[in-house]
Amino acid sequence: MSYEIIRSETHKARKEHVCKICNAKIAKGAKYSKAVLVEDGIFYSITNHTECVESRAELLNDQKRREG
């Protein structure tokens, strides 16, 4: 399974959302990251805390460095 990110942007929440990384609530008025992607011909919209996205990116970069 492969996916392609179509768009990724930062928004200010007008309503409550749930972060797909940590499963915690994203409060109304908080900044969050929204990504639109397509996987096997199906479009998805994913919302995450900006902090969770940054932490996950750092973790993936560390793993890539260790693998060489």
N, C-alpha and C. Protein backbone atom coordinates (compact mmCIF):
# COMPACT_ATOMS: atom_id res chain seq x y z
N MET A 1 0.84 -1.19 0.00
CA MET A 1 0.00 0.00 0.00
C MET A 1 0.88 1.24 0.00
N SER A 2 0.63 2.10 -0.94
CA SER A 2 1.36 3.35 -0.98
C SER A 2 0.35 4.50 -0.98
N TYR A 3 0.81 5.63 -0.52
CA TYR A 3 -0.07 6.79 -0.48
C TYR A 3 0.67 8.01 -1.00
N GLU A 4 -0.10 9.00 -1.40
CA GLU A 4 0.46 10.26 -1.89
C GLU A 4 -0.22 11.40 -1.16
N ILE A 5 0.59 12.28 -0.57
CA ILE A 5 0.03 13.45 0.12
C ILE A 5 -0.28 14.51 -0.93
N ILE A 6 -1.54 14.89 -1.00
CA ILE A 6 -1.99 15.89 -1.97
C ILE A 6 -1.75 17.30 -1.44
N ARG A 7 -2.08 17.49 -0.15
CA ARG A 7 -1.95 18.82 0.46
C ARG A 7 -1.76 18.67 1.95
N SER A 8 -0.97 19.54 2.54
CA SER A 8 -0.78 19.57 3.99
C SER A 8 -0.71 21.03 4.42
N GLU A 9 -1.59 21.42 5.33
CA GLU A 9 -1.67 22.81 5.77
C GLU A 9 -1.93 22.89 7.27
N THR A 10 -1.65 24.05 7.83
CA THR A 10 -1.96 24.33 9.23
C THR A 10 -3.21 25.20 9.27
N HIS A 11 -4.13 24.84 10.16
CA HIS A 11 -5.40 25.56 10.31
C HIS A 11 -5.64 25.91 11.77
N LYS A 12 -6.59 26.80 11.99
CA LYS A 12 -7.08 27.10 13.34
C LYS A 12 -8.46 26.44 13.45
N ALA A 13 -8.64 25.61 14.45
CA ALA A 13 -9.87 24.82 14.59
C ALA A 13 -11.08 25.69 14.87
N ARG A 14 -12.11 25.54 14.05
CA ARG A 14 -13.38 26.22 14.29
C ARG A 14 -14.32 25.31 15.08
N LYS A 15 -13.96 24.04 15.14
CA LYS A 15 -14.71 23.08 15.95
C LYS A 15 -13.71 22.08 16.52
N GLU A 16 -14.16 21.23 17.40
CA GLU A 16 -13.28 20.24 18.02
C GLU A 16 -12.98 19.11 17.03
N HIS A 17 -11.73 18.65 17.00
CA HIS A 17 -11.29 17.53 16.16
C HIS A 17 -10.58 16.52 17.06
N VAL A 18 -10.19 15.39 16.49
CA VAL A 18 -9.41 14.38 17.20
C VAL A 18 -8.13 14.13 16.43
N CYS A 19 -6.99 14.17 17.12
CA CYS A 19 -5.69 13.92 16.52
C CYS A 19 -5.57 12.43 16.19
N LYS A 20 -5.19 12.12 14.96
CA LYS A 20 -5.06 10.72 14.52
C LYS A 20 -3.78 10.07 15.03
N ILE A 21 -2.85 10.86 15.55
CA ILE A 21 -1.60 10.29 16.07
C ILE A 21 -1.76 9.91 17.54
N CYS A 22 -2.24 10.84 18.36
CA CYS A 22 -2.33 10.58 19.81
C CYS A 22 -3.76 10.32 20.30
N ASN A 23 -4.74 10.48 19.42
CA ASN A 23 -6.16 10.26 19.74
C ASN A 23 -6.72 11.22 20.78
N ALA A 24 -6.02 12.32 21.05
CA ALA A 24 -6.52 13.34 21.99
C ALA A 24 -7.30 14.40 21.21
N LYS A 25 -8.12 15.14 21.93
CA LYS A 25 -8.93 16.18 21.30
C LYS A 25 -8.07 17.36 20.86
N ILE A 26 -8.44 17.94 19.74
CA ILE A 26 -7.87 19.21 19.28
C ILE A 26 -8.95 20.24 19.60
N ALA A 27 -8.66 21.13 20.53
CA ALA A 27 -9.66 22.08 21.03
C ALA A 27 -10.00 23.14 20.00
N LYS A 28 -11.21 23.64 20.08
CA LYS A 28 -11.64 24.75 19.25
C LYS A 28 -10.71 25.93 19.49
N GLY A 29 -10.21 26.54 18.41
CA GLY A 29 -9.29 27.67 18.51
C GLY A 29 -7.83 27.29 18.46
N ALA A 30 -7.52 26.00 18.61
CA ALA A 30 -6.12 25.54 18.58
C ALA A 30 -5.65 25.37 17.13
N LYS A 31 -4.36 25.52 16.92
CA LYS A 31 -3.80 25.27 15.60
C LYS A 31 -3.59 23.76 15.43
N TYR A 32 -3.84 23.28 14.22
CA TYR A 32 -3.66 21.87 13.93
C TYR A 32 -3.21 21.69 12.48
N SER A 33 -2.69 20.53 12.18
CA SER A 33 -2.22 20.19 10.84
C SER A 33 -3.27 19.32 10.17
N LYS A 34 -3.60 19.65 8.93
CA LYS A 34 -4.56 18.86 8.16
C LYS A 34 -3.87 18.40 6.88
N ALA A 35 -3.92 17.10 6.63
CA ALA A 35 -3.33 16.53 5.41
C ALA A 35 -4.42 15.84 4.61
N VAL A 36 -4.38 16.04 3.31
CA VAL A 36 -5.26 15.34 2.39
C VAL A 36 -4.37 14.41 1.58
N LEU A 37 -4.73 13.13 1.56
CA LEU A 37 -3.92 12.16 0.84
C LEU A 37 -4.80 11.17 0.11
N VAL A 38 -4.19 10.45 -0.82
CA VAL A 38 -4.90 9.41 -1.56
C VAL A 38 -4.13 8.11 -1.41
N GLU A 39 -4.87 7.04 -1.08
CA GLU A 39 -4.26 5.72 -0.92
C GLU A 39 -5.14 4.72 -1.67
N ASP A 40 -4.56 4.05 -2.63
CA ASP A 40 -5.29 3.07 -3.43
C ASP A 40 -6.58 3.65 -4.02
N GLY A 41 -6.50 4.89 -4.50
CA GLY A 41 -7.64 5.54 -5.14
C GLY A 41 -8.67 6.12 -4.20
N ILE A 42 -8.44 6.06 -2.89
CA ILE A 42 -9.38 6.60 -1.91
C ILE A 42 -8.77 7.83 -1.24
N PHE A 43 -9.54 8.92 -1.20
CA PHE A 43 -9.08 10.15 -0.57
C PHE A 43 -9.35 10.13 0.92
N TYR A 44 -8.40 10.66 1.69
CA TYR A 44 -8.50 10.76 3.14
C TYR A 44 -8.14 12.17 3.57
N SER A 45 -8.76 12.63 4.64
CA SER A 45 -8.41 13.89 5.28
C SER A 45 -8.06 13.56 6.72
N ILE A 46 -6.85 13.92 7.14
CA ILE A 46 -6.36 13.57 8.47
C ILE A 46 -6.00 14.82 9.24
N THR A 47 -6.47 14.91 10.49
CA THR A 47 -6.14 16.04 11.36
C THR A 47 -5.25 15.57 12.50
N ASN A 48 -4.24 16.38 12.81
CA ASN A 48 -3.30 16.06 13.89
C ASN A 48 -2.86 17.33 14.59
N HIS A 49 -2.46 17.19 15.87
CA HIS A 49 -1.81 18.31 16.56
C HIS A 49 -0.53 18.64 15.80
N THR A 50 -0.19 19.90 15.68
CA THR A 50 1.06 20.26 15.01
C THR A 50 2.26 19.69 15.77
N GLU A 51 2.14 19.63 17.11
CA GLU A 51 3.23 19.08 17.92
C GLU A 51 3.43 17.59 17.65
N CYS A 52 2.35 16.86 17.45
CA CYS A 52 2.44 15.42 17.17
C CYS A 52 3.11 15.18 15.82
N VAL A 53 2.77 16.01 14.84
CA VAL A 53 3.36 15.87 13.51
C VAL A 53 4.86 16.14 13.58
N GLU A 54 5.26 17.20 14.29
CA GLU A 54 6.68 17.52 14.42
C GLU A 54 7.44 16.43 15.16
N SER A 55 6.86 15.91 16.23
CA SER A 55 7.52 14.83 16.99
C SER A 55 7.68 13.58 16.15
N ARG A 56 6.65 13.26 15.39
CA ARG A 56 6.71 12.07 14.54
C ARG A 56 7.75 12.23 13.44
N ALA A 57 7.86 13.42 12.86
CA ALA A 57 8.86 13.67 11.83
C ALA A 57 10.27 13.52 12.40
N GLU A 58 10.49 14.04 13.61
CA GLU A 58 11.80 13.89 14.26
C GLU A 58 12.13 12.42 14.50
N LEU A 59 11.15 11.67 14.96
CA LEU A 59 11.35 10.24 15.22
C LEU A 59 11.71 9.49 13.93
N LEU A 60 10.99 9.78 12.86
CA LEU A 60 11.28 9.11 11.58
C LEU A 60 12.65 9.48 11.05
N ASN A 61 13.05 10.76 11.20
CA ASN A 61 14.38 11.18 10.77
C ASN A 61 15.47 10.49 11.57
N ASP A 62 15.27 10.34 12.88
CA ASP A 62 16.23 9.62 13.72
C ASP A 62 16.37 8.17 13.30
N GLN A 63 15.25 7.52 12.99
CA GLN A 63 15.28 6.14 12.55
C GLN A 63 16.03 5.98 11.23
N LYS A 64 15.81 6.90 10.31
CA LYS A 64 16.51 6.86 9.01
C LYS A 64 18.00 7.03 9.20
N ARG A 65 18.42 7.92 10.10
CA ARG A 65 19.85 8.12 10.35
C ARG A 65 20.49 6.88 10.93
N ARG A 66 19.79 6.20 11.83
CA ARG A 66 20.33 4.98 12.44
C ARG A 66 20.47 3.86 11.42
N GLU A 67 19.53 3.80 10.48
CA GLU A 67 19.56 2.74 9.47
C GLU A 67 20.62 2.98 8.41
N GLY A 68 21.09 4.21 8.33
CA GLY A 68 22.21 4.52 7.46
C GLY A 68 21.82 5.03 6.14
